[in-house]
Amino acid sequence: MPNTRLNITLPTPIVDDIKALYGQRGLSQFLEEAAREKLDEVKKKVYKGLIEGYQSTAQETKEVLKRFESAVTEKRDV
């Protein structure tokens, strides 16, 4: 997977804590893992909202489709 180099600013105590736990070279890996975890969390919330929205309108959608079913399946002389 291609990488993109970034120039970011973080509070010094946060950077110091990460470096103390993961070393100088572990900083990028830590930030990548943290970003992935946060993205997964945000995506789950977004998808959950979409799914709930679809489910809340499912019955209404079925009723509308039933009304048009005969028009689609009916053979016509054109």
PDB file of N, CA and C in Angstrom:
ATOM      1  N   MET A   1       0.849  -1.169   0.000  1.00  0.00           N
ATOM      2  CA  MET A   1       0.000   0.000   0.000  1.00  0.00           C
ATOM      3  C   MET A   1       0.903   1.243   0.000  1.00  0.00           C
ATOM      4  N   PRO A   2       0.615   2.210  -0.883  1.00  0.00           N
ATOM      5  CA  PRO A   2       1.443   3.419  -0.913  1.00  0.00           C
ATOM      6  C   PRO A   2       1.247   4.257   0.349  1.00  0.00           C
ATOM      7  N   ASN A   3       2.272   4.965   0.705  1.00  0.00           N
ATOM      8  CA  ASN A   3       2.230   5.834   1.888  1.00  0.00           C
ATOM      9  C   ASN A   3       2.275   7.289   1.477  1.00  0.00           C
ATOM     10  N   THR A   4       1.742   8.131   2.331  1.00  0.00           N
ATOM     11  CA  THR A   4       1.801   9.577   2.149  1.00  0.00           C
ATOM     12  C   THR A   4       2.512  10.173   3.350  1.00  0.00           C
ATOM     13  N   ARG A   5       3.495  10.990   3.084  1.00  0.00           N
ATOM     14  CA  ARG A   5       4.240  11.619   4.166  1.00  0.00           C
ATOM     15  C   ARG A   5       3.469  12.848   4.633  1.00  0.00           C
ATOM     16  N   LEU A   6       3.311  12.986   5.954  1.00  0.00           N
ATOM     17  CA  LEU A   6       2.583  14.107   6.537  1.00  0.00           C
ATOM     18  C   LEU A   6       3.469  14.882   7.505  1.00  0.00           C
ATOM     19  N   ASN A   7       3.138  16.126   7.649  1.00  0.00           N
ATOM     20  CA  ASN A   7       3.771  16.949   8.674  1.00  0.00           C
ATOM     21  C   ASN A   7       2.647  17.337   9.630  1.00  0.00           C
ATOM     22  N   ILE A   8       2.642  16.738  10.818  1.00  0.00           N
ATOM     23  CA  ILE A   8       1.568  16.997  11.771  1.00  0.00           C
ATOM     24  C   ILE A   8       2.142  17.602  13.047  1.00  0.00           C
ATOM     25  N   THR A   9       1.267  18.227  13.802  1.00  0.00           N
ATOM     26  CA  THR A   9       1.657  18.820  15.074  1.00  0.00           C
ATOM     27  C   THR A   9       0.836  18.172  16.176  1.00  0.00           C
ATOM     28  N   LEU A  10       1.543  17.659  17.178  1.00  0.00           N
ATOM     29  CA  LEU A  10       0.908  17.047  18.341  1.00  0.00           C
ATOM     30  C   LEU A  10       1.505  17.659  19.599  1.00  0.00           C
ATOM     31  N   PRO A  11       0.756  17.658  20.693  1.00  0.00           N
ATOM     32  CA  PRO A  11       1.325  18.144  21.949  1.00  0.00           C
ATOM     33  C   PRO A  11       2.551  17.300  22.342  1.00  0.00           C
ATOM     34  N   THR A  12       3.589  17.968  22.781  1.00  0.00           N
ATOM     35  CA  THR A  12       4.856  17.307  23.134  1.00  0.00           C
ATOM     36  C   THR A  12       4.674  16.171  24.143  1.00  0.00           C
ATOM     37  N   PRO A  13       3.871  16.330  25.195  1.00  0.00           N
ATOM     38  CA  PRO A  13       3.725  15.212  26.145  1.00  0.00           C
ATOM     39  C   PRO A  13       3.163  13.943  25.500  1.00  0.00           C
ATOM     40  N   ILE A  14       2.274  14.098  24.529  1.00  0.00           N
ATOM     41  CA  ILE A  14       1.726  12.928  23.834  1.00  0.00           C
ATOM     42  C   ILE A  14       2.828  12.240  23.036  1.00  0.00           C
ATOM     43  N   VAL A  15       3.586  13.012  22.296  1.00  0.00           N
ATOM     44  CA  VAL A  15       4.684  12.451  21.497  1.00  0.00           C
ATOM     45  C   VAL A  15       5.703  11.779  22.408  1.00  0.00           C
ATOM     46  N   ASP A  16       6.044  12.423  23.508  1.00  0.00           N
ATOM     47  CA  ASP A  16       7.010  11.845  24.443  1.00  0.00           C
ATOM     48  C   ASP A  16       6.522  10.509  25.000  1.00  0.00           C
ATOM     49  N   ASP A  17       5.238  10.427  25.334  1.00  0.00           N
ATOM     50  CA  ASP A  17       4.678   9.179  25.859  1.00  0.00           C
ATOM     51  C   ASP A  17       4.709   8.067  24.807  1.00  0.00           C
ATOM     52  N   ILE A  18       4.365   8.401  23.586  1.00  0.00           N
ATOM     53  CA  ILE A  18       4.387   7.397  22.514  1.00  0.00           C
ATOM     54  C   ILE A  18       5.812   6.902  22.287  1.00  0.00           C
ATOM     55  N   LYS A  19       6.752   7.839  22.204  1.00  0.00           N
ATOM     56  CA  LYS A  19       8.156   7.458  21.996  1.00  0.00           C
ATOM     57  C   LYS A  19       8.681   6.615  23.148  1.00  0.00           C
ATOM     58  N   ALA A  20       8.268   6.924  24.368  1.00  0.00           N
ATOM     59  CA  ALA A  20       8.722   6.158  25.531  1.00  0.00           C
ATOM     60  C   ALA A  20       8.221   4.721  25.468  1.00  0.00           C
ATOM     61  N   LEU A  21       7.019   4.541  24.951  1.00  0.00           N
ATOM     62  CA  LEU A  21       6.437   3.201  24.878  1.00  0.00           C
ATOM     63  C   LEU A  21       6.835   2.429  23.618  1.00  0.00           C
ATOM     64  N   TYR A  22       6.964   3.127  22.496  1.00  0.00           N
ATOM     65  CA  TYR A  22       7.176   2.462  21.211  1.00  0.00           C
ATOM     66  C   TYR A  22       8.512   2.782  20.558  1.00  0.00           C
ATOM     67  N   GLY A  23       9.256   3.703  21.111  1.00  0.00           N
ATOM     68  CA  GLY A  23      10.529   4.093  20.516  1.00  0.00           C
ATOM     69  C   GLY A  23      10.325   5.115  19.412  1.00  0.00           C
ATOM     70  N   GLN A  24      11.419   5.716  18.998  1.00  0.00           N
ATOM     71  CA  GLN A  24      11.395   6.764  17.973  1.00  0.00           C
ATOM     72  C   GLN A  24      10.767   6.249  16.674  1.00  0.00           C
ATOM     73  N   ARG A  25      11.130   5.046  16.273  1.00  0.00           N
ATOM     74  CA  ARG A  25      10.634   4.493  15.006  1.00  0.00           C
ATOM     75  C   ARG A  25       9.222   3.933  15.126  1.00  0.00           C
ATOM     76  N   GLY A  26       8.720   3.768  16.321  1.00  0.00           N
ATOM     77  CA  GLY A  26       7.378   3.237  16.503  1.00  0.00           C
ATOM     78  C   GLY A  26       6.293   4.294  16.433  1.00  0.00           C
ATOM     79  N   LEU A  27       6.676   5.543  16.329  1.00  0.00           N
ATOM     80  CA  LEU A  27       5.715   6.649  16.314  1.00  0.00           C
ATOM     81  C   LEU A  27       4.743   6.536  15.137  1.00  0.00           C
ATOM     82  N   SER A  28       5.260   6.328  13.945  1.00  0.00           N
ATOM     83  CA  SER A  28       4.387   6.226  12.764  1.00  0.00           C
ATOM     84  C   SER A  28       3.463   5.025  12.870  1.00  0.00           C
ATOM     85  N   GLN A  29       4.004   3.901  13.315  1.00  0.00           N
ATOM     86  CA  GLN A  29       3.185   2.698  13.453  1.00  0.00           C
ATOM     87  C   GLN A  29       2.066   2.925  14.467  1.00  0.00           C
ATOM     88  N   PHE A  30       2.399   3.550  15.587  1.00  0.00           N
ATOM     89  CA  PHE A  30       1.382   3.834  16.600  1.00  0.00           C
ATOM     90  C   PHE A  30       0.284   4.728  16.038  1.00  0.00           C
ATOM     91  N   LEU A  31       0.671   5.799  15.343  1.00  0.00           N
ATOM     92  CA  LEU A  31      -0.316   6.729  14.787  1.00  0.00           C
ATOM     93  C   LEU A  31      -1.177   6.054  13.714  1.00  0.00           C
ATOM     94  N   GLU A  32      -0.578   5.177  12.918  1.00  0.00           N
ATOM     95  CA  GLU A  32      -1.348   4.447  11.907  1.00  0.00           C
ATOM     96  C   GLU A  32      -2.381   3.545  12.572  1.00  0.00           C
ATOM     97  N   GLU A  33      -1.956   2.806  13.594  1.00  0.00           N
ATOM     98  CA  GLU A  33      -2.881   1.917  14.292  1.00  0.00           C
ATOM     99  C   GLU A  33      -4.005   2.702  14.973  1.00  0.00           C
ATOM    100  N   ALA A  34      -3.657   3.824  15.588  1.00  0.00           N
ATOM    101  CA  ALA A  34      -4.668   4.648  16.255  1.00  0.00           C
ATOM    102  C   ALA A  34      -5.665   5.207  15.238  1.00  0.00           C
ATOM    103  N   ALA A  35      -5.157   5.630  14.074  1.00  0.00           N
ATOM    104  CA  ALA A  35      -6.037   6.163  13.031  1.00  0.00           C
ATOM    105  C   ALA A  35      -6.969   5.081  12.506  1.00  0.00           C
ATOM    106  N   ARG A  36      -6.442   3.877  12.300  1.00  0.00           N
ATOM    107  CA  ARG A  36      -7.280   2.771  11.820  1.00  0.00           C
ATOM    108  C   ARG A  36      -8.399   2.451  12.817  1.00  0.00           C
ATOM    109  N   GLU A  37      -8.040   2.385  14.100  1.00  0.00           N
ATOM    110  CA  GLU A  37      -9.045   2.094  15.130  1.00  0.00           C
ATOM    111  C   GLU A  37     -10.133   3.156  15.155  1.00  0.00           C
ATOM    112  N   LYS A  38      -9.730   4.415  15.081  1.00  0.00           N
ATOM    113  CA  LYS A  38     -10.707   5.507  15.107  1.00  0.00           C
ATOM    114  C   LYS A  38     -11.590   5.469  13.860  1.00  0.00           C
ATOM    115  N   LEU A  39     -10.990   5.215  12.690  1.00  0.00           N
ATOM    116  CA  LEU A  39     -11.771   5.129  11.455  1.00  0.00           C
ATOM    117  C   LEU A  39     -12.777   3.986  11.520  1.00  0.00           C
ATOM    118  N   ASP A  40     -12.361   2.844  12.041  1.00  0.00           N
ATOM    119  CA  ASP A  40     -13.289   1.716  12.188  1.00  0.00           C
ATOM    120  C   ASP A  40     -14.470   2.097  13.072  1.00  0.00           C
ATOM    121  N   GLU A  41     -14.182   2.780  14.163  1.00  0.00           N
ATOM    122  CA  GLU A  41     -15.233   3.211  15.096  1.00  0.00           C
ATOM    123  C   GLU A  41     -16.215   4.170  14.415  1.00  0.00           C
ATOM    124  N   VAL A  42     -15.687   5.135  13.688  1.00  0.00           N
ATOM    125  CA  VAL A  42     -16.530   6.122  13.011  1.00  0.00           C
ATOM    126  C   VAL A  42     -17.356   5.452  11.911  1.00  0.00           C
ATOM    127  N   LYS A  43     -16.729   4.559  11.135  1.00  0.00           N
ATOM    128  CA  LYS A  43     -17.458   3.865  10.066  1.00  0.00           C
ATOM    129  C   LYS A  43     -18.592   3.028  10.629  1.00  0.00           C
ATOM    130  N   LYS A  44     -18.357   2.344  11.736  1.00  0.00           N
ATOM    131  CA  LYS A  44     -19.408   1.532  12.348  1.00  0.00           C
ATOM    132  C   LYS A  44     -20.602   2.389  12.731  1.00  0.00           C
ATOM    133  N   LYS A  45     -20.345   3.577  13.278  1.00  0.00           N
ATOM    134  CA  LYS A  45     -21.433   4.477  13.655  1.00  0.00           C
ATOM    135  C   LYS A  45     -22.207   4.939  12.426  1.00  0.00           C
ATOM    136  N   VAL A  46     -21.473   5.300  11.377  1.00  0.00           N
ATOM    137  CA  VAL A  46     -22.110   5.782  10.153  1.00  0.00           C
ATOM    138  C   VAL A  46     -22.941   4.672   9.522  1.00  0.00           C
ATOM    139  N   TYR A  47     -22.340   3.480   9.383  1.00  0.00           N
ATOM    140  CA  TYR A  47     -23.054   2.364   8.774  1.00  0.00           C
ATOM    141  C   TYR A  47     -24.249   1.946   9.613  1.00  0.00           C
ATOM    142  N   LYS A  48     -24.101   1.998  10.940  1.00  0.00           N
ATOM    143  CA  LYS A  48     -25.214   1.636  11.817  1.00  0.00           C
ATOM    144  C   LYS A  48     -26.391   2.578  11.564  1.00  0.00           C
ATOM    145  N   GLY A  49     -26.110   3.857  11.432  1.00  0.00           N
ATOM    146  CA  GLY A  49     -27.159   4.829  11.148  1.00  0.00           C
ATOM    147  C   GLY A  49     -27.825   4.579   9.808  1.00  0.00           C
ATOM    148  N   LEU A  50     -27.036   4.234   8.795  1.00  0.00           N
ATOM    149  CA  LEU A  50     -27.610   3.934   7.483  1.00  0.00           C
ATOM    150  C   LEU A  50     -28.493   2.699   7.535  1.00  0.00           C
ATOM    151  N   ILE A  51     -27.999   1.663   8.195  1.00  0.00           N
ATOM    152  CA  ILE A  51     -28.768   0.420   8.302  1.00  0.00           C
ATOM    153  C   ILE A  51     -30.080   0.667   9.043  1.00  0.00           C
ATOM    154  N   GLU A  52     -30.012   1.401  10.137  1.00  0.00           N
ATOM    155  CA  GLU A  52     -31.241   1.704  10.888  1.00  0.00           C
ATOM    156  C   GLU A  52     -32.219   2.498  10.038  1.00  0.00           C
ATOM    157  N   GLY A  53     -31.696   3.413   9.231  1.00  0.00           N
ATOM    158  CA  GLY A  53     -32.554   4.194   8.345  1.00  0.00           C
ATOM    159  C   GLY A  53     -33.238   3.328   7.306  1.00  0.00           C
ATOM    160  N   TYR A  54     -32.470   2.427   6.690  1.00  0.00           N
ATOM    161  CA  TYR A  54     -33.051   1.519   5.704  1.00  0.00           C
ATOM    162  C   TYR A  54     -34.090   0.612   6.344  1.00  0.00           C
ATOM    163  N   GLN A  55     -33.789   0.110   7.525  1.00  0.00           N
ATOM    164  CA  GLN A  55     -34.720  -0.791   8.201  1.00  0.00           C
ATOM    165  C   GLN A  55     -36.015  -0.075   8.587  1.00  0.00           C
ATOM    166  N   SER A  56     -35.894   1.181   8.962  1.00  0.00           N
ATOM    167  CA  SER A  56     -37.087   1.915   9.384  1.00  0.00           C
ATOM    168  C   SER A  56     -38.035   2.196   8.222  1.00  0.00           C
ATOM    169  N   THR A  57     -37.515   2.213   6.998  1.00  0.00           N
ATOM    170  CA  THR A  57     -38.376   2.464   5.835  1.00  0.00           C
ATOM    171  C   THR A  57     -38.638   1.203   5.017  1.00  0.00           C
ATOM    172  N   ALA A  58     -38.167   0.056   5.475  1.00  0.00           N
ATOM    173  CA  ALA A  58     -38.288  -1.185   4.700  1.00  0.00           C
ATOM    174  C   ALA A  58     -39.740  -1.547   4.420  1.00  0.00           C
ATOM    175  N   GLN A  59     -40.603  -1.482   5.413  1.00  0.00           N
ATOM    176  CA  GLN A  59     -41.994  -1.875   5.212  1.00  0.00           C
ATOM    177  C   GLN A  59     -42.683  -0.953   4.209  1.00  0.00           C
ATOM    178  N   GLU A  60     -42.440   0.322   4.332  1.00  0.00           N
ATOM    179  CA  GLU A  60     -43.025   1.283   3.394  1.00  0.00           C
ATOM    180  C   GLU A  60     -42.528   1.013   1.968  1.00  0.00           C
ATOM    181  N   THR A  61     -41.252   0.706   1.844  1.00  0.00           N
ATOM    182  CA  THR A  61     -40.679   0.399   0.530  1.00  0.00           C
ATOM    183  C   THR A  61     -41.320  -0.842  -0.063  1.00  0.00           C
ATOM    184  N   LYS A  62     -41.521  -1.879   0.750  1.00  0.00           N
ATOM    185  CA  LYS A  62     -42.170  -3.102   0.274  1.00  0.00           C
ATOM    186  C   LYS A  62     -43.579  -2.814  -0.228  1.00  0.00           C
ATOM    187  N   GLU A  63     -44.318  -1.976   0.481  1.00  0.00           N
ATOM    188  CA  GLU A  63     -45.680  -1.641   0.085  1.00  0.00           C
ATOM    189  C   GLU A  63     -45.705  -0.910  -1.251  1.00  0.00           C
ATOM    190  N   VAL A  64     -44.785  -0.002  -1.447  1.00  0.00           N
ATOM    191  CA  VAL A  64     -44.709   0.732  -2.713  1.00  0.00           C
ATOM    192  C   VAL A  64     -44.355  -0.224  -3.844  1.00  0.00           C
ATOM    193  N   LEU A  65     -43.404  -1.103  -3.608  1.00  0.00           N
ATOM    194  CA  LEU A  65     -43.002  -2.061  -4.644  1.00  0.00           C
ATOM    195  C   LEU A  65     -44.150  -3.005  -5.009  1.00  0.00           C
ATOM    196  N   LYS A  66     -44.948  -3.404  -4.028  1.00  0.00           N
ATOM    197  CA  LYS A  66     -46.092  -4.277  -4.302  1.00  0.00           C
ATOM    198  C   LYS A  66     -47.083  -3.593  -5.238  1.00  0.00           C
ATOM    199  N   ARG A  67     -47.264  -2.278  -5.064  1.00  0.00           N
ATOM    200  CA  ARG A  67     -48.201  -1.543  -5.910  1.00  0.00           C
ATOM    201  C   ARG A  67     -47.744  -1.522  -7.369  1.00  0.00           C
ATOM    202  N   PHE A  68     -46.439  -1.521  -7.582  1.00  0.00           N
ATOM    203  CA  PHE A  68     -45.907  -1.452  -8.940  1.00  0.00           C
ATOM    204  C   PHE A  68     -45.585  -2.826  -9.526  1.00  0.00           C
ATOM    205  N   GLU A  69     -45.676  -3.864  -8.705  1.00  0.00           N
ATOM    206  CA  GLU A  69     -45.306  -5.211  -9.147  1.00  0.00           C
ATOM    207  C   GLU A  69     -46.128  -5.657 -10.349  1.00  0.00           C
ATOM    208  N   SER A  70     -47.414  -5.423 -10.322  1.00  0.00           N
ATOM    209  CA  SER A  70     -48.254  -5.873 -11.425  1.00  0.00           C
ATOM    210  C   SER A  70     -47.910  -5.142 -12.722  1.00  0.00           C
ATOM    211  N   ALA A  71     -47.543  -3.914 -12.640  1.00  0.00           N
ATOM    212  CA  ALA A  71     -47.183  -3.156 -13.834  1.00  0.00           C
ATOM    213  C   ALA A  71     -45.899  -3.697 -14.459  1.00  0.00           C
ATOM    214  N   VAL A  72     -45.009  -4.180 -13.661  1.00  0.00           N
ATOM    215  CA  VAL A  72     -43.732  -4.681 -14.165  1.00  0.00           C
ATOM    216  C   VAL A  72     -43.877  -6.105 -14.687  1.00  0.00           C
ATOM    217  N   THR A  73     -44.662  -6.932 -14.028  1.00  0.00           N
ATOM    218  CA  THR A  73     -44.770  -8.346 -14.403  1.00  0.00           C
ATOM    219  C   THR A  73     -45.879  -8.627 -15.406  1.00  0.00           C
ATOM    220  N   GLU A  74     -46.746  -7.682 -15.625  1.00  0.00           N
ATOM    221  CA  GLU A  74     -47.880  -7.873 -16.531  1.00  0.00           C
ATOM    222  C   GLU A  74     -47.403  -7.838 -17.993  1.00  0.00           C
ATOM    223  N   LYS A  75     -47.890  -8.808 -18.791  1.00  0.00           N
ATOM    224  CA  LYS A  75     -47.537  -8.802 -20.205  1.00  0.00           C
ATOM    225  C   LYS A  75     -48.416  -7.779 -20.912  1.00  0.00           C
ATOM    226  N   ARG A  76     -47.824  -7.025 -21.783  1.00  0.00           N
ATOM    227  CA  ARG A  76     -48.568  -5.960 -22.454  1.00  0.00           C
ATOM    228  C   ARG A  76     -48.479  -6.117 -23.961  1.00  0.00           C
ATOM    229  N   ASP A  77     -49.505  -5.691 -24.628  1.00  0.00           N
ATOM    230  CA  ASP A  77     -49.480  -5.592 -26.078  1.00  0.00           C
ATOM    231  C   ASP A  77     -49.043  -4.175 -26.416  1.00  0.00           C
ATOM    232  N   VAL A  78     -47.914  -4.074 -27.041  1.00  0.00           N
ATOM    233  CA  VAL A  78     -47.399  -2.750 -27.347  1.00  0.00           C
ATOM    234  C   VAL A  78     -47.389  -2.522 -28.829  1.00  0.00           C
TER     235      VAL A  78
END
